[in-house]
């Protein structure tokens, strides 16, 4: 999954010792664009983060995995970032993702119109 937004908060680095050795993680919050902006907290584990990207106000493109787990009857969800890029740096890669994003809104409309046509055609064939 990917999300694009402006970095608004960086939390302190957390570290500890587990059964598999030492670990560290960094939480950060981005705010999406749009009519109803959303704030999303993501986590980077290990040495996967570049401190230069984590500057307040940077536009980021974050690739992440969503994972939920159960503990004592309650469910907890983590958004684990595995790749962070500056949103402006994607211009070299823009040709591949741009057609997908541009066509994504058009596809449901096209499918919906095809569905509507077939539904009208099928409406005459119903026995009731």
C-alpha atoms as a PDB file:
ATOM      1  CA  UNK A   1       0.000   0.000   0.000  1.00  0.00           C
ATOM      2  CA  UNK A   2       1.091   3.590  -0.533  1.00  0.00           C
ATOM      3  CA  UNK A   3       0.109   6.880   1.027  1.00  0.00           C
ATOM      4  CA  UNK A   4       1.182  10.399   0.181  1.00  0.00           C
ATOM      5  CA  UNK A   5       1.128  13.234   2.670  1.00  0.00           C
ATOM      6  CA  UNK A   6       2.939  16.015   4.481  1.00  0.00           C
ATOM      7  CA  UNK A   7       5.023  15.102   7.537  1.00  0.00           C
ATOM      8  CA  UNK A   8       3.544  16.869  10.560  1.00  0.00           C
ATOM      9  CA  UNK A   9       5.085  15.081  13.574  1.00  0.00           C
ATOM     10  CA  UNK A  10       8.071  12.846  14.367  1.00  0.00           C
ATOM     11  CA  UNK A  11       7.987  10.898  17.627  1.00  0.00           C
ATOM     12  CA  UNK A  12      11.047   9.842  19.629  1.00  0.00           C
ATOM     13  CA  UNK A  13      13.024   6.775  18.578  1.00  0.00           C
ATOM     14  CA  UNK A  14      12.140   3.764  20.731  1.00  0.00           C
ATOM     15  CA  UNK A  15      14.577   0.914  21.291  1.00  0.00           C
ATOM     16  CA  UNK A  16      14.860  -2.186  23.389  1.00  0.00           C
ATOM     17  CA  UNK A  17      16.168  -5.697  23.704  1.00  0.00           C
ATOM     18  CA  UNK A  18      14.090  -8.652  22.543  1.00  0.00           C
ATOM     19  CA  UNK A  19      14.622 -12.386  22.310  1.00  0.00           C
ATOM     20  CA  UNK A  20      16.088 -11.860  18.807  1.00  0.00           C
ATOM     21  CA  UNK A  21      18.418  -9.060  19.901  1.00  0.00           C
ATOM     22  CA  UNK A  22      18.237  -5.272  19.986  1.00  0.00           C
ATOM     23  CA  UNK A  23      15.495  -3.412  18.104  1.00  0.00           C
ATOM     24  CA  UNK A  24      14.526   0.166  17.383  1.00  0.00           C
ATOM     25  CA  UNK A  25      11.555   1.875  15.803  1.00  0.00           C
ATOM     26  CA  UNK A  26      10.537   5.388  14.758  1.00  0.00           C
ATOM     27  CA  UNK A  27       6.927   6.612  14.622  1.00  0.00           C
ATOM     28  CA  UNK A  28       5.896   9.559  12.468  1.00  0.00           C
ATOM     29  CA  UNK A  29       2.616  11.209  11.474  1.00  0.00           C
ATOM     30  CA  UNK A  30       1.662  12.425   8.007  1.00  0.00           C
ATOM     31  CA  UNK A  31      -1.412  14.347   6.914  1.00  0.00           C
ATOM     32  CA  UNK A  32      -3.032  13.530   3.579  1.00  0.00           C
ATOM     33  CA  UNK A  33      -4.344  16.090   1.097  1.00  0.00           C
ATOM     34  CA  UNK A  34      -7.928  16.442   0.000  1.00  0.00           C
ATOM     35  CA  UNK A  35     -11.201  17.871   1.161  1.00  0.00           C
ATOM     36  CA  UNK A  36     -11.069  15.801   4.374  1.00  0.00           C
ATOM     37  CA  UNK A  37      -7.373  15.424   5.304  1.00  0.00           C
ATOM     38  CA  UNK A  38      -6.496  12.441   7.486  1.00  0.00           C
ATOM     39  CA  UNK A  39      -3.655  12.097   9.967  1.00  0.00           C
ATOM     40  CA  UNK A  40      -1.916   8.716   9.788  1.00  0.00           C
ATOM     41  CA  UNK A  41       0.733   7.382  12.189  1.00  0.00           C
ATOM     42  CA  UNK A  42       3.248   4.991  10.597  1.00  0.00           C
ATOM     43  CA  UNK A  43       6.182   3.079  12.065  1.00  0.00           C
ATOM     44  CA  UNK A  44       9.637   2.370  10.645  1.00  0.00           C
ATOM     45  CA  UNK A  45      11.494  -0.571  12.152  1.00  0.00           C
ATOM     46  CA  UNK A  46      15.259  -1.121  12.254  1.00  0.00           C
ATOM     47  CA  UNK A  47      17.584   0.962  10.097  1.00  0.00           C
ATOM     48  CA  UNK A  48      15.107   1.518   7.265  1.00  0.00           C
ATOM     49  CA  UNK A  49      14.665   5.232   7.860  1.00  0.00           C
ATOM     50  CA  UNK A  50      16.631   8.130   6.484  1.00  0.00           C
ATOM     51  CA  UNK A  51      16.725  11.029   8.949  1.00  0.00           C
ATOM     52  CA  UNK A  52      16.885  13.564   6.088  1.00  0.00           C
ATOM     53  CA  UNK A  53      13.385  12.581   4.909  1.00  0.00           C
ATOM     54  CA  UNK A  54      11.921  13.007   8.392  1.00  0.00           C
ATOM     55  CA  UNK A  55      11.840  16.810   8.341  1.00  0.00           C
ATOM     56  CA  UNK A  56       8.573  18.477   9.315  1.00  0.00           C
ATOM     57  CA  UNK A  57       6.776  19.804   6.237  1.00  0.00           C
ATOM     58  CA  UNK A  58       8.286  17.336   3.722  1.00  0.00           C
ATOM     59  CA  UNK A  59       5.860  15.780   1.243  1.00  0.00           C
ATOM     60  CA  UNK A  60       6.420  12.025   1.521  1.00  0.00           C
ATOM     61  CA  UNK A  61       5.374   8.975  -0.452  1.00  0.00           C
ATOM     62  CA  UNK A  62       5.328   6.049   1.985  1.00  0.00           C
ATOM     63  CA  UNK A  63       5.014   2.380   1.039  1.00  0.00           C
ATOM     64  CA  UNK A  64       3.717   0.345   3.973  1.00  0.00           C
ATOM     65  CA  UNK A  65       2.090  -2.882   5.120  1.00  0.00           C
ATOM     66  CA  UNK A  66      -0.932  -2.983   7.429  1.00  0.00           C
ATOM     67  CA  UNK A  67      -0.933  -5.721  10.048  1.00  0.00           C
ATOM     68  CA  UNK A  68      -3.302  -6.454  12.935  1.00  0.00           C
ATOM     69  CA  UNK A  69      -2.792  -8.716  15.925  1.00  0.00           C
ATOM     70  CA  UNK A  70      -4.887  -9.829  18.885  1.00  0.00           C
ATOM     71  CA  UNK A  71      -3.804  -9.492  22.513  1.00  0.00           C
ATOM     72  CA  UNK A  72      -6.099 -10.346  25.450  1.00  0.00           C
ATOM     73  CA  UNK A  73      -9.220 -10.107  23.306  1.00  0.00           C
ATOM     74  CA  UNK A  74      -8.331  -6.701  21.828  1.00  0.00           C
ATOM     75  CA  UNK A  75      -7.043  -6.000  18.333  1.00  0.00           C
ATOM     76  CA  UNK A  76      -4.153  -3.670  17.509  1.00  0.00           C
ATOM     77  CA  UNK A  77      -3.167  -2.470  14.037  1.00  0.00           C
ATOM     78  CA  UNK A  78       0.310  -1.415  12.915  1.00  0.00           C
ATOM     79  CA  UNK A  79       1.174   0.439   9.721  1.00  0.00           C
ATOM     80  CA  UNK A  80       4.773  -0.613   9.055  1.00  0.00           C
ATOM     81  CA  UNK A  81       6.576   1.573   6.534  1.00  0.00           C
ATOM     82  CA  UNK A  82       9.136  -0.233   4.407  1.00  0.00           C
ATOM     83  CA  UNK A  83      10.027   2.542   1.954  1.00  0.00           C
ATOM     84  CA  UNK A  84       9.940   6.337   2.271  1.00  0.00           C
ATOM     85  CA  UNK A  85      10.573   8.752  -0.584  1.00  0.00           C
ATOM     86  CA  UNK A  86      10.254  12.481  -0.969  1.00  0.00           C
ATOM     87  CA  UNK A  87       7.117  13.052  -3.042  1.00  0.00           C
ATOM     88  CA  UNK A  88       9.014  15.425  -5.353  1.00  0.00           C
ATOM     89  CA  UNK A  89      11.680  12.772  -6.034  1.00  0.00           C
ATOM     90  CA  UNK A  90       9.130  10.473  -7.697  1.00  0.00           C
ATOM     91  CA  UNK A  91       9.148  12.605 -10.864  1.00  0.00           C
ATOM     92  CA  UNK A  92      11.593  10.189 -12.510  1.00  0.00           C
ATOM     93  CA  UNK A  93       9.241   7.303 -11.724  1.00  0.00           C
ATOM     94  CA  UNK A  94       6.028   9.242 -12.374  1.00  0.00           C
ATOM     95  CA  UNK A  95       5.224   7.843 -15.846  1.00  0.00           C
ATOM     96  CA  UNK A  96       4.522   4.340 -14.513  1.00  0.00           C
ATOM     97  CA  UNK A  97       2.307   5.192 -11.516  1.00  0.00           C
ATOM     98  CA  UNK A  98       0.562   8.196 -13.079  1.00  0.00           C
ATOM     99  CA  UNK A  99      -1.432   6.263 -15.714  1.00  0.00           C
ATOM    100  CA  UNK A 100      -2.542   3.798 -13.050  1.00  0.00           C
ATOM    101  CA  UNK A 101      -3.746   6.567 -10.742  1.00  0.00           C
ATOM    102  CA  UNK A 102      -5.301   8.497 -13.600  1.00  0.00           C
ATOM    103  CA  UNK A 103      -7.128   5.456 -14.921  1.00  0.00           C
ATOM    104  CA  UNK A 104      -8.236   4.158 -11.503  1.00  0.00           C
ATOM    105  CA  UNK A 105     -11.125   6.656 -11.139  1.00  0.00           C
ATOM    106  CA  UNK A 106     -12.116   6.140 -14.782  1.00  0.00           C
ATOM    107  CA  UNK A 107     -12.305   2.334 -14.483  1.00  0.00           C
ATOM    108  CA  UNK A 108     -15.139   2.181 -11.914  1.00  0.00           C
ATOM    109  CA  UNK A 109     -17.123   4.678 -14.003  1.00  0.00           C
ATOM    110  CA  UNK A 110     -16.579   2.588 -17.132  1.00  0.00           C
ATOM    111  CA  UNK A 111     -17.428  -0.604 -15.255  1.00  0.00           C
ATOM    112  CA  UNK A 112     -20.470   1.051 -13.699  1.00  0.00           C
ATOM    113  CA  UNK A 113     -21.726   2.210 -17.087  1.00  0.00           C
ATOM    114  CA  UNK A 114     -21.164  -1.248 -18.589  1.00  0.00           C
ATOM    115  CA  UNK A 115     -22.934  -2.785 -15.608  1.00  0.00           C
ATOM    116  CA  UNK A 116     -25.851  -0.401 -16.013  1.00  0.00           C
ATOM    117  CA  UNK A 117     -26.176  -1.299 -19.700  1.00  0.00           C
ATOM    118  CA  UNK A 118     -26.047  -5.034 -19.012  1.00  0.00           C
ATOM    119  CA  UNK A 119     -28.458  -4.645 -16.095  1.00  0.00           C
ATOM    120  CA  UNK A 120     -30.954  -2.910 -18.368  1.00  0.00           C
ATOM    121  CA  UNK A 121     -30.516  -5.649 -20.956  1.00  0.00           C
ATOM    122  CA  UNK A 122     -30.975  -8.337 -18.297  1.00  0.00           C
ATOM    123  CA  UNK A 123     -34.001  -6.557 -16.822  1.00  0.00           C
ATOM    124  CA  UNK A 124     -36.124  -7.603 -19.793  1.00  0.00           C
ATOM    125  CA  UNK A 125     -35.051 -11.240 -19.406  1.00  0.00           C
ATOM    126  CA  UNK A 126     -36.201 -11.624 -15.779  1.00  0.00           C
ATOM    127  CA  UNK A 127     -39.215 -13.894 -15.380  1.00  0.00           C
ATOM    128  CA  UNK A 128     -40.901 -11.706 -12.729  1.00  0.00           C
END
